[in-house]
């Protein structure tokens, strides 16, 4: 047996009682949830004709055709982070929607090579943790952006970074719509184009990932470090320890 094939036994920094072997049974869902996937959509502009809002509305229509229940948060009257307390009605509304959702869509205009302040404020008002509840952990995320000029990926890249920070499962596909003012008609509906087709692709992928992970999210994000911090011993280790207590010593 070569060294690479040998079992690793010398791990002095590891506390084995908090280490959980992968349980394939917990990745199988006996009774999957039957309700429509719940998707929250956020956009990043307060303009009267906001192209990030129009793109989100188009995405919501596609999601509904795919069988989802959707909610679009209106960021008007949302205060700046730390300008007031979390008891503000708009903050409470946003946090409740985040907890309600199983997946999210974030769409921002690109401003000075980054996301807009409106978009960042919404994300900043959603905390990593409220008591024992983490409003975004394990939820799926799709990211999109609109640009006034040529195609860019600065905003979606920033949104991906934030999604990772919020412990979300960000899907591989994304949408970046260049010269967005050309892509919507006089009725504020998105015109047929390769950009539109990509939005459909992204929403399809989001629904699939949401259905794949929503019943497994708690297990997928269960971590050694957090079990150790809270003194929570994995079930298989606890059961093994209990069984050893009842073993009869040999005569």
Protein backbone atom coordinates (compact mmCIF):
# COMPACT_ATOMS: atom_id res chain seq x y z
CA UNK A 1 0.00 0.00 0.00
CA UNK A 2 1.42 3.38 -0.99
CA UNK A 3 1.36 6.33 1.47
CA UNK A 4 -1.51 7.92 -0.47
CA UNK A 5 -3.56 4.76 -0.08
CA UNK A 6 -2.91 4.47 3.66
CA UNK A 7 -5.66 5.63 6.01
CA UNK A 8 -4.88 8.92 7.73
CA UNK A 9 -4.80 8.39 11.48
CA UNK A 10 -2.52 11.17 12.72
CA UNK A 11 -4.75 14.25 12.93
CA UNK A 12 -3.97 15.85 16.30
CA UNK A 13 -5.97 19.00 15.53
CA UNK A 14 -9.13 17.04 14.73
CA UNK A 15 -11.72 16.19 17.37
CA UNK A 16 -13.17 12.95 15.96
CA UNK A 17 -16.34 13.00 18.04
CA UNK A 18 -17.58 15.99 16.01
CA UNK A 19 -16.62 14.56 12.61
CA UNK A 20 -19.58 13.25 10.61
CA UNK A 21 -19.03 10.71 7.87
CA UNK A 22 -21.12 11.41 4.80
CA UNK A 23 -24.50 9.73 5.19
CA UNK A 24 -25.75 8.81 1.73
CA UNK A 25 -29.14 8.05 3.22
CA UNK A 26 -29.59 11.70 4.21
CA UNK A 27 -28.98 12.72 0.61
CA UNK A 28 -31.98 10.62 -0.42
CA UNK A 29 -35.32 12.28 0.28
CA UNK A 30 -38.10 9.85 1.14
CA UNK A 31 -40.88 12.45 1.03
CA UNK A 32 -39.81 15.50 -0.99
CA UNK A 33 -41.68 18.75 -0.51
CA UNK A 34 -44.56 19.11 -2.98
CA UNK A 35 -45.23 22.84 -2.77
CA UNK A 36 -44.05 25.15 -5.60
CA UNK A 37 -40.47 26.41 -5.22
CA UNK A 38 -40.54 29.75 -3.42
CA UNK A 39 -38.36 32.36 -5.14
CA UNK A 40 -37.60 35.90 -3.92
CA UNK A 41 -36.41 38.41 -6.51
CA UNK A 42 -34.43 41.57 -5.67
CA UNK A 43 -33.55 44.43 -8.03
CA UNK A 44 -31.21 47.37 -7.61
CA UNK A 45 -32.65 50.61 -8.96
CA UNK A 46 -35.41 53.06 -8.01
CA UNK A 47 -35.68 54.68 -11.43
CA UNK A 48 -39.21 54.98 -12.79
CA UNK A 49 -38.15 52.76 -15.70
CA UNK A 50 -35.69 50.54 -13.91
CA UNK A 51 -34.22 47.95 -16.23
CA UNK A 52 -33.11 45.76 -13.33
CA UNK A 53 -36.75 45.76 -12.17
CA UNK A 54 -38.01 45.00 -15.68
CA UNK A 55 -35.56 42.12 -15.98
CA UNK A 56 -36.65 40.76 -12.59
CA UNK A 57 -40.31 41.00 -13.62
CA UNK A 58 -39.51 39.08 -16.81
CA UNK A 59 -37.64 36.47 -14.77
CA UNK A 60 -40.60 36.14 -12.39
CA UNK A 61 -42.94 35.42 -15.31
CA UNK A 62 -40.62 32.66 -16.52
CA UNK A 63 -40.36 31.21 -13.01
CA UNK A 64 -44.15 31.14 -12.71
CA UNK A 65 -44.41 29.23 -15.99
CA UNK A 66 -41.86 26.79 -14.52
CA UNK A 67 -44.17 26.23 -11.55
CA UNK A 68 -42.69 28.57 -8.95
CA UNK A 69 -44.27 30.94 -6.47
CA UNK A 70 -42.54 34.30 -6.71
CA UNK A 71 -42.25 37.47 -4.66
CA UNK A 72 -40.55 40.70 -5.81
CA UNK A 73 -39.34 43.00 -3.05
CA UNK A 74 -39.86 46.73 -3.66
CA UNK A 75 -36.82 48.52 -2.15
CA UNK A 76 -38.52 51.92 -2.01
CA UNK A 77 -38.48 53.31 1.54
CA UNK A 78 -35.91 50.74 2.67
CA UNK A 79 -33.57 52.73 4.95
CA UNK A 80 -29.82 52.67 4.64
CA UNK A 81 -28.17 49.98 6.76
CA UNK A 82 -27.63 51.18 10.36
CA UNK A 83 -29.70 54.34 9.75
CA UNK A 84 -32.40 52.77 11.89
CA UNK A 85 -33.07 49.50 13.68
CA UNK A 86 -34.22 46.18 12.21
CA UNK A 87 -37.73 46.84 13.51
CA UNK A 88 -38.34 49.16 10.52
CA UNK A 89 -41.33 47.78 8.52
CA UNK A 90 -39.41 47.50 5.23
CA UNK A 91 -36.54 45.69 6.93
CA UNK A 92 -39.00 43.31 8.57
CA UNK A 93 -40.69 42.73 5.20
CA UNK A 94 -37.38 41.96 3.48
CA UNK A 95 -36.22 39.60 6.22
CA UNK A 96 -39.54 37.77 6.27
CA UNK A 97 -39.39 37.28 2.50
CA UNK A 98 -35.82 36.00 2.73
CA UNK A 99 -36.84 33.44 5.34
CA UNK A 100 -39.89 32.47 3.24
CA UNK A 101 -37.82 31.88 0.12
CA UNK A 102 -36.07 28.68 -0.94
CA UNK A 103 -34.21 30.41 -3.77
CA UNK A 104 -33.46 33.98 -4.76
CA UNK A 105 -32.68 36.07 -7.84
CA UNK A 106 -30.49 39.17 -7.44
CA UNK A 107 -30.34 41.65 -10.31
CA UNK A 108 -28.34 44.88 -10.19
CA UNK A 109 -27.43 47.59 -12.65
CA UNK A 110 -23.70 48.07 -12.99
CA UNK A 111 -22.70 51.37 -11.38
CA UNK A 112 -19.07 52.50 -11.56
CA UNK A 113 -17.97 48.94 -12.19
CA UNK A 114 -19.89 47.45 -9.26
CA UNK A 115 -23.41 46.82 -7.97
CA UNK A 116 -25.68 49.68 -6.99
CA UNK A 117 -26.06 51.01 -3.45
CA UNK A 118 -29.73 50.02 -3.53
CA UNK A 119 -28.76 46.41 -4.23
CA UNK A 120 -26.06 46.36 -1.54
CA UNK A 121 -28.39 47.88 1.05
CA UNK A 122 -30.90 45.07 0.58
CA UNK A 123 -28.25 42.40 0.99
CA UNK A 124 -26.76 44.20 4.01
CA UNK A 125 -30.13 44.24 5.76
CA UNK A 126 -30.36 40.44 5.52
CA UNK A 127 -28.20 39.16 8.37
CA UNK A 128 -26.22 35.95 8.37
CA UNK A 129 -28.04 34.92 11.53
CA UNK A 130 -31.16 35.89 13.49
CA UNK A 131 -31.06 33.92 16.72
CA UNK A 132 -30.74 30.33 15.55
CA UNK A 133 -32.14 31.08 12.06
CA UNK A 134 -29.89 31.83 9.09
CA UNK A 135 -32.14 33.51 6.52
CA UNK A 136 -30.01 32.71 3.45
CA UNK A 137 -27.86 29.68 4.30
CA UNK A 138 -28.45 26.76 1.95
CA UNK A 139 -30.82 28.68 -0.33
CA UNK A 140 -30.16 28.80 -4.05
CA UNK A 141 -29.22 32.02 -5.84
CA UNK A 142 -29.19 33.23 -9.45
CA UNK A 143 -27.39 36.48 -10.32
CA UNK A 144 -28.11 38.91 -13.16
CA UNK A 145 -27.06 42.39 -14.19
CA UNK A 146 -28.06 45.11 -16.63
CA UNK A 147 -25.64 47.54 -18.24
CA UNK A 148 -26.11 50.79 -20.09
CA UNK A 149 -23.12 50.09 -22.30
CA UNK A 150 -21.27 47.04 -23.59
CA UNK A 151 -21.56 43.71 -21.84
CA UNK A 152 -19.78 43.43 -18.54
CA UNK A 153 -19.66 40.94 -15.67
CA UNK A 154 -18.52 43.18 -12.81
CA UNK A 155 -21.91 43.26 -11.09
CA UNK A 156 -22.61 39.54 -11.35
CA UNK A 157 -19.11 38.78 -10.09
CA UNK A 158 -19.74 40.98 -7.05
CA UNK A 159 -23.12 39.36 -6.48
CA UNK A 160 -21.47 35.93 -6.59
CA UNK A 161 -19.00 37.03 -3.93
CA UNK A 162 -21.85 38.27 -1.74
CA UNK A 163 -23.86 35.10 -2.33
CA UNK A 164 -20.92 33.02 -1.12
CA UNK A 165 -20.56 35.28 1.92
CA UNK A 166 -24.28 34.77 2.67
CA UNK A 167 -23.68 30.99 2.43
CA UNK A 168 -25.98 30.55 -0.54
CA UNK A 169 -25.77 27.95 -3.30
CA UNK A 170 -25.10 30.18 -6.31
CA UNK A 171 -25.90 28.40 -9.57
CA UNK A 172 -23.25 28.29 -12.34
CA UNK A 173 -25.25 30.15 -15.00
CA UNK A 174 -25.84 33.92 -14.96
CA UNK A 175 -27.27 36.71 -17.10
CA UNK A 176 -25.66 39.99 -18.16
CA UNK A 177 -27.77 42.20 -20.43
CA UNK A 178 -25.82 44.87 -22.31
CA UNK A 179 -27.42 48.13 -23.50
CA UNK A 180 -30.53 47.15 -21.58
CA UNK A 181 -32.47 50.17 -22.91
CA UNK A 182 -32.55 48.42 -26.30
CA UNK A 183 -33.86 45.12 -24.94
CA UNK A 184 -37.33 46.19 -23.74
CA UNK A 185 -40.26 47.33 -25.88
CA UNK A 186 -42.74 50.15 -25.31
CA UNK A 187 -44.78 47.86 -23.05
CA UNK A 188 -41.72 47.16 -20.87
CA UNK A 189 -41.50 43.55 -22.04
CA UNK A 190 -38.19 42.01 -22.99
CA UNK A 191 -37.70 41.51 -26.71
CA UNK A 192 -36.74 38.16 -28.23
CA UNK A 193 -32.94 37.89 -28.26
CA UNK A 194 -30.03 35.78 -27.11
CA UNK A 195 -30.14 37.81 -23.88
CA UNK A 196 -33.72 36.73 -23.30
CA UNK A 197 -32.83 33.11 -24.05
CA UNK A 198 -30.05 33.27 -21.45
CA UNK A 199 -32.51 34.56 -18.83
CA UNK A 200 -34.71 31.54 -19.54
CA UNK A 201 -31.65 29.27 -19.19
CA UNK A 202 -30.78 30.84 -15.83
CA UNK A 203 -34.30 30.49 -14.45
CA UNK A 204 -34.53 26.86 -15.58
CA UNK A 205 -31.26 26.11 -13.84
CA UNK A 206 -32.33 27.92 -10.68
CA UNK A 207 -35.53 25.87 -10.44
CA UNK A 208 -33.63 22.60 -10.92
CA UNK A 209 -31.02 23.45 -8.28
CA UNK A 210 -33.74 24.60 -5.87
CA UNK A 211 -35.68 21.37 -6.26
CA UNK A 212 -32.46 19.38 -5.90
CA UNK A 213 -31.28 21.08 -2.71
CA UNK A 214 -34.25 22.44 -0.76
CA UNK A 215 -35.02 19.16 1.03
CA UNK A 216 -31.32 18.56 1.71
CA UNK A 217 -30.18 22.09 2.58
CA UNK A 218 -29.94 21.53 6.34
CA UNK A 219 -27.70 18.50 5.83
CA UNK A 220 -25.63 20.07 3.05
CA UNK A 221 -24.62 23.03 5.23
CA UNK A 222 -24.09 21.05 8.46
CA UNK A 223 -20.46 21.82 9.41
CA UNK A 224 -17.80 20.26 11.61
CA UNK A 225 -16.71 23.66 13.01
CA UNK A 226 -20.24 24.57 14.05
CA UNK A 227 -20.91 21.16 15.58
CA UNK A 228 -17.71 21.54 17.56
CA UNK A 229 -18.52 25.11 18.64
CA UNK A 230 -21.95 24.08 19.92
CA UNK A 231 -20.88 20.72 21.33
CA UNK A 232 -23.25 18.92 18.99
CA UNK A 233 -22.08 15.36 18.37
CA UNK A 234 -23.17 13.79 15.04
CA UNK A 235 -25.89 11.19 15.33
CA UNK A 236 -23.80 8.24 14.10
CA UNK A 237 -21.06 9.02 16.65
CA UNK A 238 -23.57 9.40 19.47
CA UNK A 239 -25.25 6.11 18.56
CA UNK A 240 -21.93 4.30 18.46
CA UNK A 241 -20.96 5.69 21.87
CA UNK A 242 -24.31 4.65 23.32
CA UNK A 243 -23.94 1.14 21.91
CA UNK A 244 -20.50 0.79 23.51
CA UNK A 245 -22.00 1.58 26.91
CA UNK A 246 -24.26 -1.43 26.64
CA UNK A 247 -21.66 -3.89 25.36
CA UNK A 248 -21.08 -6.79 27.73
CA UNK A 249 -17.45 -7.21 28.72
CA UNK A 250 -15.98 -10.61 27.74
CA UNK A 251 -15.71 -13.17 30.55
